[in-house]
PDB file of N, CA and C in Angstrom:
ATOM      1  N   UNK A   1       5.566 -14.213   1.670  1.00  0.00           N
ATOM      2  CA  UNK A   1       6.576 -13.498   2.056  1.00  0.00           C
ATOM      3  C   UNK A   1       7.483 -12.705   1.107  1.00  0.00           C
ATOM      4  N   UNK A   2       6.716 -12.111   0.012  1.00  0.00           N
ATOM      5  CA  UNK A   2       7.492 -11.374  -1.077  1.00  0.00           C
ATOM      6  C   UNK A   2       6.713 -10.081  -1.111  1.00  0.00           C
ATOM      7  N   UNK A   3       7.698  -8.859  -1.336  1.00  0.00           N
ATOM      8  CA  UNK A   3       6.785  -7.756  -1.804  1.00  0.00           C
ATOM      9  C   UNK A   3       6.154  -7.781  -3.011  1.00  0.00           C
ATOM     10  N   UNK A   4       5.287  -6.926  -3.186  1.00  0.00           N
ATOM     11  CA  UNK A   4       4.626  -6.795  -4.466  1.00  0.00           C
ATOM     12  C   UNK A   4       4.898  -5.470  -5.055  1.00  0.00           C
ATOM     13  N   UNK A   5       5.009  -5.383  -6.285  1.00  0.00           N
ATOM     14  CA  UNK A   5       5.016  -4.237  -7.206  1.00  0.00           C
ATOM     15  C   UNK A   5       3.831  -4.122  -8.087  1.00  0.00           C
ATOM     16  N   UNK A   6       3.257  -3.124  -7.799  1.00  0.00           N
ATOM     17  CA  UNK A   6       1.745  -2.725  -8.565  1.00  0.00           C
ATOM     18  C   UNK A   6       1.799  -1.430  -9.094  1.00  0.00           C
ATOM     19  N   UNK A   7       0.872  -1.319 -10.032  1.00  0.00           N
ATOM     20  CA  UNK A   7       0.701  -0.075 -10.692  1.00  0.00           C
ATOM     21  C   UNK A   7      -0.208   0.902  -9.762  1.00  0.00           C
ATOM     22  N   UNK A   8       0.023   2.010 -10.187  1.00  0.00           N
ATOM     23  CA  UNK A   8      -0.627   3.037  -9.265  1.00  0.00           C
ATOM     24  C   UNK A   8      -2.349   3.284  -9.998  1.00  0.00           C
ATOM     25  N   UNK A   9      -2.959   2.306  -9.408  1.00  0.00           N
ATOM     26  CA  UNK A   9      -4.372   2.323  -9.936  1.00  0.00           C
ATOM     27  C   UNK A   9      -5.198   2.284  -8.558  1.00  0.00           C
ATOM     28  N   UNK A  10      -6.605   3.064  -9.004  1.00  0.00           N
ATOM     29  CA  UNK A  10      -7.190   3.085  -7.789  1.00  0.00           C
ATOM     30  C   UNK A  10      -7.404   1.945  -6.755  1.00  0.00           C
ATOM     31  N   UNK A  11      -7.408   2.024  -5.775  1.00  0.00           N
ATOM     32  CA  UNK A  11      -7.569   0.867  -4.756  1.00  0.00           C
ATOM     33  C   UNK A  11      -6.361   0.266  -4.372  1.00  0.00           C
ATOM     34  N   UNK A  12      -5.166   0.419  -4.789  1.00  0.00           N
ATOM     35  CA  UNK A  12      -4.009  -0.268  -4.716  1.00  0.00           C
ATOM     36  C   UNK A  12      -3.192   0.533  -3.166  1.00  0.00           C
ATOM     37  N   UNK A  13      -3.603   1.739  -3.200  1.00  0.00           N
ATOM     38  CA  UNK A  13      -3.094   2.231  -1.886  1.00  0.00           C
ATOM     39  C   UNK A  13      -3.865   1.561  -0.745  1.00  0.00           C
ATOM     40  N   UNK A  14      -5.098   1.243  -0.851  1.00  0.00           N
ATOM     41  CA  UNK A  14      -5.595   0.434   0.481  1.00  0.00           C
ATOM     42  C   UNK A  14      -5.251  -0.947   0.909  1.00  0.00           C
ATOM     43  N   UNK A  15      -4.502  -1.693  -0.392  1.00  0.00           N
ATOM     44  CA  UNK A  15      -3.975  -2.965   0.005  1.00  0.00           C
ATOM     45  C   UNK A  15      -2.301  -2.907   0.039  1.00  0.00           C
ATOM     46  N   UNK A  16      -1.993  -2.018  -0.764  1.00  0.00           N
ATOM     47  CA  UNK A  16      -0.252  -2.166  -0.508  1.00  0.00           C
ATOM     48  C   UNK A  16       0.149  -0.755   0.154  1.00  0.00           C
ATOM     49  N   UNK A  17       1.069  -0.849   1.103  1.00  0.00           N
ATOM     50  CA  UNK A  17       1.591   0.259   1.870  1.00  0.00           C
ATOM     51  C   UNK A  17       2.896   0.436   1.179  1.00  0.00           C
ATOM     52  N   UNK A  18       2.960   1.576   0.186  1.00  0.00           N
ATOM     53  CA  UNK A  18       4.164   1.855  -0.421  1.00  0.00           C
ATOM     54  C   UNK A  18       5.182   1.959   0.354  1.00  0.00           C
ATOM     55  N   UNK A  19       6.301   1.239   0.222  1.00  0.00           N
ATOM     56  CA  UNK A  19       7.735   1.211   0.816  1.00  0.00           C
ATOM     57  C   UNK A  19       7.608   0.514   1.875  1.00  0.00           C
ATOM     58  N   UNK A  20       6.685  -0.086   2.447  1.00  0.00           N
ATOM     59  CA  UNK A  20       6.298  -1.032   3.502  1.00  0.00           C
ATOM     60  C   UNK A  20       6.286  -2.538   3.274  1.00  0.00           C
ATOM     61  N   UNK A  21       5.342  -2.772   2.493  1.00  0.00           N
ATOM     62  CA  UNK A  21       4.995  -4.212   1.853  1.00  0.00           C
ATOM     63  C   UNK A  21       5.129  -4.217   0.598  1.00  0.00           C
ATOM     64  N   UNK A  22       5.337  -3.317  -0.287  1.00  0.00           N
ATOM     65  CA  UNK A  22       5.604  -3.254  -1.441  1.00  0.00           C
ATOM     66  C   UNK A  22       5.766  -1.879  -1.918  1.00  0.00           C
ATOM     67  N   UNK A  23       5.697  -1.855  -3.387  1.00  0.00           N
ATOM     68  CA  UNK A  23       6.011  -0.521  -4.063  1.00  0.00           C
ATOM     69  C   UNK A  23       4.963  -0.390  -5.064  1.00  0.00           C
ATOM     70  N   UNK A  24       4.261   0.897  -5.088  1.00  0.00           N
ATOM     71  CA  UNK A  24       3.539   1.340  -5.945  1.00  0.00           C
ATOM     72  C   UNK A  24       4.150   2.341  -6.889  1.00  0.00           C
ATOM     73  N   UNK A  25       3.994   2.111  -8.183  1.00  0.00           N
ATOM     74  CA  UNK A  25       4.845   2.932  -9.070  1.00  0.00           C
ATOM     75  C   UNK A  25       3.656   3.354 -10.367  1.00  0.00           C
ATOM     76  N   UNK A  26       3.975   4.571 -11.000  1.00  0.00           N
ATOM     77  CA  UNK A  26       2.860   4.957 -11.998  1.00  0.00           C
ATOM     78  C   UNK A  26       3.333   4.520 -13.404  1.00  0.00           C
ATOM     79  N   UNK A  27       3.020   3.235 -13.647  1.00  0.00           N
ATOM     80  CA  UNK A  27       3.689   2.441 -15.008  1.00  0.00           C
ATOM     81  C   UNK A  27       2.878   3.299 -15.895  1.00  0.00           C
ATOM     82  N   UNK A  28       1.939   3.853 -16.024  1.00  0.00           N
ATOM     83  CA  UNK A  28       1.005   4.546 -17.138  1.00  0.00           C
ATOM     84  C   UNK A  28       1.840   5.659 -17.748  1.00  0.00           C
ATOM     85  N   UNK A  29       2.571   6.372 -16.830  1.00  0.00           N
ATOM     86  CA  UNK A  29       3.124   7.852 -17.328  1.00  0.00           C
ATOM     87  C   UNK A  29       4.746   7.598 -17.083  1.00  0.00           C
ATOM     88  N   UNK A  30       5.247   6.437 -16.619  1.00  0.00           N
ATOM     89  CA  UNK A  30       6.704   6.469 -16.735  1.00  0.00           C
ATOM     90  C   UNK A  30       7.190   5.048 -16.814  1.00  0.00           C
ATOM     91  N   UNK A  31       7.516   4.785 -18.083  1.00  0.00           N
ATOM     92  CA  UNK A  31       7.955   3.758 -18.625  1.00  0.00           C
ATOM     93  C   UNK A  31       9.194   3.148 -17.918  1.00  0.00           C
ATOM     94  N   UNK A  32       9.724   3.827 -17.219  1.00  0.00           N
ATOM     95  CA  UNK A  32      10.933   3.374 -16.435  1.00  0.00           C
ATOM     96  C   UNK A  32      10.708   2.933 -15.145  1.00  0.00           C
ATOM     97  N   UNK A  33       9.345   3.206 -14.621  1.00  0.00           N
ATOM     98  CA  UNK A  33       9.168   2.909 -13.441  1.00  0.00           C
ATOM     99  C   UNK A  33       9.325   1.361 -12.762  1.00  0.00           C
ATOM    100  N   UNK A  34       8.795   0.513 -13.456  1.00  0.00           N
ATOM    101  CA  UNK A  34       8.978  -0.807 -13.071  1.00  0.00           C
ATOM    102  C   UNK A  34      10.554  -1.087 -12.902  1.00  0.00           C
ATOM    103  N   UNK A  35      11.292  -0.755 -14.179  1.00  0.00           N
ATOM    104  CA  UNK A  35      12.739  -0.772 -13.995  1.00  0.00           C
ATOM    105  C   UNK A  35      13.377  -0.353 -12.708  1.00  0.00           C
ATOM    106  N   UNK A  36      12.976   0.794 -12.312  1.00  0.00           N
ATOM    107  CA  UNK A  36      13.641   1.646 -11.266  1.00  0.00           C
ATOM    108  C   UNK A  36      13.428   0.801 -10.229  1.00  0.00           C
ATOM    109  N   UNK A  37      12.124   0.220  -9.901  1.00  0.00           N
ATOM    110  CA  UNK A  37      11.883  -0.422  -8.682  1.00  0.00           C
ATOM    111  C   UNK A  37      12.734  -1.698  -8.511  1.00  0.00           C
ATOM    112  N   UNK A  38      12.656  -2.553  -9.826  1.00  0.00           N
ATOM    113  CA  UNK A  38      13.532  -3.818  -9.528  1.00  0.00           C
ATOM    114  C   UNK A  38      15.011  -3.550  -9.649  1.00  0.00           C
ATOM    115  N   UNK A  39      15.650  -2.261 -10.009  1.00  0.00           N
ATOM    116  CA  UNK A  39      16.808  -1.891  -9.868  1.00  0.00           C
ATOM    117  C   UNK A  39      16.958  -1.620  -8.520  1.00  0.00           C
ATOM    118  N   UNK A  40      16.183  -0.942  -7.758  1.00  0.00           N
ATOM    119  CA  UNK A  40      16.317  -0.459  -6.330  1.00  0.00           C
ATOM    120  C   UNK A  40      16.524  -1.931  -5.298  1.00  0.00           C
ATOM    121  N   UNK A  41      15.628  -2.944  -5.937  1.00  0.00           N
ATOM    122  CA  UNK A  41      15.515  -4.142  -5.110  1.00  0.00           C
ATOM    123  C   UNK A  41      16.902  -4.944  -5.334  1.00  0.00           C
ATOM    124  N   UNK A  42      17.320  -4.995  -6.396  1.00  0.00           N
ATOM    125  CA  UNK A  42      18.435  -5.731  -6.622  1.00  0.00           C
ATOM    126  C   UNK A  42      19.879  -4.948  -6.345  1.00  0.00           C
ATOM    127  N   UNK A  43      19.701  -3.780  -6.104  1.00  0.00           N
ATOM    128  CA  UNK A  43      20.832  -3.085  -5.389  1.00  0.00           C
ATOM    129  C   UNK A  43      20.949  -3.092  -3.761  1.00  0.00           C
ATOM    130  N   UNK A  44      20.066  -3.385  -3.371  1.00  0.00           N
ATOM    131  CA  UNK A  44      19.552  -3.389  -1.807  1.00  0.00           C
ATOM    132  C   UNK A  44      18.751  -4.616  -1.716  1.00  0.00           C
ATOM    133  N   UNK A  45      19.098  -6.029  -1.758  1.00  0.00           N
ATOM    134  CA  UNK A  45      18.579  -7.336  -1.487  1.00  0.00           C
ATOM    135  C   UNK A  45      18.092  -7.380  -0.060  1.00  0.00           C
ATOM    136  N   UNK A  46      18.582  -6.823   1.067  1.00  0.00           N
ATOM    137  CA  UNK A  46      17.914  -6.732   2.094  1.00  0.00           C
ATOM    138  C   UNK A  46      16.718  -6.082   2.438  1.00  0.00           C
ATOM    139  N   UNK A  47      16.700  -5.042   1.574  1.00  0.00           N
ATOM    140  CA  UNK A  47      15.336  -4.198   1.521  1.00  0.00           C
ATOM    141  C   UNK A  47      14.024  -5.151   1.114  1.00  0.00           C
ATOM    142  N   UNK A  48      14.451  -5.875  -0.003  1.00  0.00           N
ATOM    143  CA  UNK A  48      13.595  -6.721  -0.398  1.00  0.00           C
ATOM    144  C   UNK A  48      13.006  -8.108   0.372  1.00  0.00           C
ATOM    145  N   UNK A  49      13.968  -8.358   1.220  1.00  0.00           N
ATOM    146  CA  UNK A  49      13.820  -9.317   2.111  1.00  0.00           C
ATOM    147  C   UNK A  49      12.850  -9.040   3.252  1.00  0.00           C
ATOM    148  N   UNK A  50      13.420  -7.613   3.661  1.00  0.00           N
ATOM    149  CA  UNK A  50      12.696  -7.027   4.986  1.00  0.00           C
ATOM    150  C   UNK A  50      11.226  -6.631   4.650  1.00  0.00           C
ATOM    151  N   UNK A  51      10.967  -6.243   3.435  1.00  0.00           N
ATOM    152  CA  UNK A  51       9.581  -5.786   3.028  1.00  0.00           C
ATOM    153  C   UNK A  51       8.720  -7.125   2.844  1.00  0.00           C
ATOM    154  N   UNK A  52       9.371  -8.227   2.205  1.00  0.00           N
ATOM    155  CA  UNK A  52       8.822  -9.482   2.165  1.00  0.00           C
ATOM    156  C   UNK A  52       8.181  -9.814   3.460  1.00  0.00           C
ATOM    157  N   UNK A  53       8.806  -9.986   4.850  1.00  0.00           N
ATOM    158  CA  UNK A  53       8.668 -10.392   5.814  1.00  0.00           C
ATOM    159  C   UNK A  53       7.402  -9.615   6.191  1.00  0.00           C
ATOM    160  N   UNK A  54       7.293  -8.137   6.171  1.00  0.00           N
ATOM    161  CA  UNK A  54       6.306  -7.162   6.332  1.00  0.00           C
ATOM    162  C   UNK A  54       5.171  -7.392   5.654  1.00  0.00           C
ATOM    163  N   UNK A  55       5.188  -7.801   4.445  1.00  0.00           N
ATOM    164  CA  UNK A  55       4.081  -7.941   3.661  1.00  0.00           C
ATOM    165  C   UNK A  55       3.498  -9.194   3.999  1.00  0.00           C
ATOM    166  N   UNK A  56       4.145 -10.344   4.407  1.00  0.00           N
ATOM    167  CA  UNK A  56       3.488 -11.436   4.803  1.00  0.00           C
ATOM    168  C   UNK A  56       2.672 -11.346   6.442  1.00  0.00           C
ATOM    169  N   UNK A  57       3.433 -10.690   6.946  1.00  0.00           N
ATOM    170  CA  UNK A  57       2.438 -10.369   7.965  1.00  0.00           C
ATOM    171  C   UNK A  57       1.453  -9.477   8.023  1.00  0.00           C
ATOM    172  N   UNK A  58       1.501  -8.395   7.139  1.00  0.00           N
ATOM    173  CA  UNK A  58       0.353  -7.561   6.786  1.00  0.00           C
ATOM    174  C   UNK A  58      -0.850  -8.305   6.060  1.00  0.00           C
ATOM    175  N   UNK A  59      -0.285  -9.120   5.143  1.00  0.00           N
ATOM    176  CA  UNK A  59      -1.379  -9.980   4.812  1.00  0.00           C
ATOM    177  C   UNK A  59      -2.144 -11.108   5.695  1.00  0.00           C
ATOM    178  N   UNK A  60      -1.347 -11.587   6.226  1.00  0.00           N
ATOM    179  CA  UNK A  60      -2.022 -12.397   7.627  1.00  0.00           C
ATOM    180  C   UNK A  60      -2.858 -11.437   8.693  1.00  0.00           C
ATOM    181  N   UNK A  61      -2.387 -10.498   8.913  1.00  0.00           N
ATOM    182  CA  UNK A  61      -3.024  -9.409   9.676  1.00  0.00           C
ATOM    183  C   UNK A  61      -4.592  -9.104   9.022  1.00  0.00           C
ATOM    184  N   UNK A  62      -4.535  -8.775   7.608  1.00  0.00           N
ATOM    185  CA  UNK A  62      -5.454  -8.030   7.187  1.00  0.00           C
ATOM    186  C   UNK A  62      -6.367  -8.858   6.279  1.00  0.00           C
ATOM    187  N   UNK A  63      -5.925 -10.140   5.795  1.00  0.00           N
ATOM    188  CA  UNK A  63      -6.737 -10.808   5.030  1.00  0.00           C
ATOM    189  C   UNK A  63      -6.557 -12.331   5.061  1.00  0.00           C
ATOM    190  N   UNK A  64      -6.203 -12.804   6.240  1.00  0.00           N
ATOM    191  CA  UNK A  64      -6.376 -14.185   6.541  1.00  0.00           C
ATOM    192  C   UNK A  64      -8.058 -14.377   6.748  1.00  0.00           C
ATOM    193  N   UNK A  65      -8.318 -15.740   6.906  1.00  0.00           N
ATOM    194  CA  UNK A  65      -9.450 -16.193   7.299  1.00  0.00           C
ATOM    195  C   UNK A  65     -10.045 -15.832   8.463  1.00  0.00           C
ATOM    196  N   UNK A  66      -9.260 -15.811   9.273  1.00  0.00           N
ATOM    197  CA  UNK A  66      -9.703 -15.191  10.563  1.00  0.00           C
ATOM    198  C   UNK A  66     -10.029 -13.775  10.609  1.00  0.00           C
ATOM    199  N   UNK A  67      -9.103 -12.965  10.157  1.00  0.00           N
ATOM    200  CA  UNK A  67      -9.301 -11.518  10.200  1.00  0.00           C
ATOM    201  C   UNK A  67     -10.416 -11.069   9.359  1.00  0.00           C
ATOM    202  N   UNK A  68     -10.596 -12.000   8.119  1.00  0.00           N
ATOM    203  CA  UNK A  68     -11.660 -11.460   7.208  1.00  0.00           C
ATOM    204  C   UNK A  68     -12.939 -11.918   7.753  1.00  0.00           C
ATOM    205  N   UNK A  69     -13.349 -13.022   8.530  1.00  0.00           N
ATOM    206  CA  UNK A  69     -14.496 -13.598   9.317  1.00  0.00           C
ATOM    207  C   UNK A  69     -14.918 -12.405  10.258  1.00  0.00           C
ATOM    208  N   UNK A  70     -13.815 -12.027  11.132  1.00  0.00           N
ATOM    209  CA  UNK A  70     -13.885 -11.011  12.130  1.00  0.00           C
ATOM    210  C   UNK A  70     -14.315  -9.635  11.528  1.00  0.00           C
ATOM    211  N   UNK A  71     -13.819  -9.231  10.407  1.00  0.00           N
ATOM    212  CA  UNK A  71     -14.154  -7.938   9.884  1.00  0.00           C
ATOM    213  C   UNK A  71     -15.533  -8.223   9.525  1.00  0.00           C
ATOM    214  N   UNK A  72     -16.065  -9.240   8.781  1.00  0.00           N
ATOM    215  CA  UNK A  72     -17.420  -9.525   8.297  1.00  0.00           C
ATOM    216  C   UNK A  72     -18.477  -9.749   9.752  1.00  0.00           C
ATOM    217  N   UNK A  73     -17.997 -10.209  10.563  1.00  0.00           N
ATOM    218  CA  UNK A  73     -18.931 -10.173  11.803  1.00  0.00           C
ATOM    219  C   UNK A  73     -19.258  -8.910  12.596  1.00  0.00           C
ATOM    220  N   UNK A  74     -18.052  -8.271  12.530  1.00  0.00           N
ATOM    221  CA  UNK A  74     -18.055  -6.876  13.067  1.00  0.00           C
ATOM    222  C   UNK A  74     -19.141  -5.882  12.013  1.00  0.00           C
ATOM    223  N   UNK A  75     -19.108  -6.134  10.854  1.00  0.00           N
ATOM    224  CA  UNK A  75     -20.196  -5.315   9.949  1.00  0.00           C
ATOM    225  C   UNK A  75     -21.528  -5.737  10.314  1.00  0.00           C
ATOM    226  N   UNK A  76     -21.787  -7.085  10.568  1.00  0.00           N
ATOM    227  CA  UNK A  76     -23.210  -7.686  10.765  1.00  0.00           C
ATOM    228  C   UNK A  76     -23.622  -7.193  12.101  1.00  0.00           C
ATOM    229  N   UNK A  77     -22.730  -7.195  13.167  1.00  0.00           N
ATOM    230  CA  UNK A  77     -22.980  -6.831  14.471  1.00  0.00           C
ATOM    231  C   UNK A  77     -23.368  -5.128  14.583  1.00  0.00           C
ATOM    232  N   UNK A  78     -22.760  -4.606  13.867  1.00  0.00           N
ATOM    233  CA  UNK A  78     -22.954  -2.821  13.645  1.00  0.00           C
ATOM    234  C   UNK A  78     -24.340  -2.824  13.098  1.00  0.00           C
ATOM    235  N   UNK A  79     -24.552  -3.465  11.930  1.00  0.00           N
ATOM    236  CA  UNK A  79     -25.977  -3.388  11.031  1.00  0.00           C
ATOM    237  C   UNK A  79     -27.270  -3.691  12.362  1.00  0.00           C
ATOM    238  N   UNK A  80     -26.788  -4.727  12.789  1.00  0.00           N
ATOM    239  CA  UNK A  80     -27.828  -5.287  13.692  1.00  0.00           C
ATOM    240  C   UNK A  80     -28.251  -4.387  15.041  1.00  0.00           C
ATOM    241  N   UNK A  81     -27.238  -3.663  15.230  1.00  0.00           N
ATOM    242  CA  UNK A  81     -27.166  -2.804  16.765  1.00  0.00           C
ATOM    243  C   UNK A  81     -27.842  -1.536  16.030  1.00  0.00           C
ATOM    244  N   UNK A  82     -28.019  -1.098  14.758  1.00  0.00           N
ATOM    245  CA  UNK A  82     -28.750   0.173  14.512  1.00  0.00           C
ATOM    246  C   UNK A  82     -30.466   0.065  14.701  1.00  0.00           C
ATOM    247  N   UNK A  83     -30.650   1.191  15.234  1.00  0.00           N
ATOM    248  CA  UNK A  83     -31.686   1.324  16.079  1.00  0.00           C
ATOM    249  C   UNK A  83     -33.226   1.118  14.878  1.00  0.00           C
ATOM    250  N   UNK A  84     -32.988   1.615  13.427  1.00  0.00           N
ATOM    251  CA  UNK A  84     -33.890   1.595  12.432  1.00  0.00           C
ATOM    252  C   UNK A  84     -33.786   0.068  11.853  1.00  0.00           C
ATOM    253  N   UNK A  85     -33.138  -0.869  12.736  1.00  0.00           N
ATOM    254  CA  UNK A  85     -33.362  -2.167  12.142  1.00  0.00           C
ATOM    255  C   UNK A  85     -34.589  -3.019  12.275  1.00  0.00           C
ATOM    256  N   UNK A  86     -35.113  -3.308  11.202  1.00  0.00           N
ATOM    257  CA  UNK A  86     -36.396  -3.993  11.619  1.00  0.00           C
ATOM    258  C   UNK A  86     -36.330  -5.512  11.241  1.00  0.00           C
ATOM    259  N   UNK A  87     -37.089  -5.904  12.448  1.00  0.00           N
ATOM    260  CA  UNK A  87     -37.258  -7.379  12.434  1.00  0.00           C
ATOM    261  C   UNK A  87     -37.735  -7.793  11.293  1.00  0.00           C
ATOM    262  N   UNK A  88     -37.353  -8.868  10.679  1.00  0.00           N
ATOM    263  CA  UNK A  88     -38.320  -9.709   9.644  1.00  0.00           C
ATOM    264  C   UNK A  88     -39.484 -10.198  10.131  1.00  0.00           C
ATOM    265  N   UNK A  89     -40.471 -10.164   9.408  1.00  0.00           N
ATOM    266  CA  UNK A  89     -41.892 -10.521  10.052  1.00  0.00           C
ATOM    267  C   UNK A  89     -42.153 -11.799   9.157  1.00  0.00           C
ATOM    268  N   UNK A  90     -42.778 -12.779   9.728  1.00  0.00           N
ATOM    269  CA  UNK A  90     -43.200 -14.043   8.710  1.00  0.00           C
ATOM    270  C   UNK A  90     -44.538 -13.514   7.875  1.00  0.00           C
TER     271      UNK A  90
END
């Protein structure tokens, strides 16, 4: 139930929705970015709490065992439905 603060590295925007479930900052080129994010959260603690609730719900929705199992099952089902799927022969 906590928001995350991550560096702007490839792939992070797929996991963290900036401003909704956490913050993405460009730490490599802005040495103040991390401090700015922490200052924002300390000045507005209600934002930290709200973002944490959304982060938890987001994580459960996308990354729980049930969600991941359903996603994997969907991939397998899609692959098996392709017309060029060859049956394994003994």
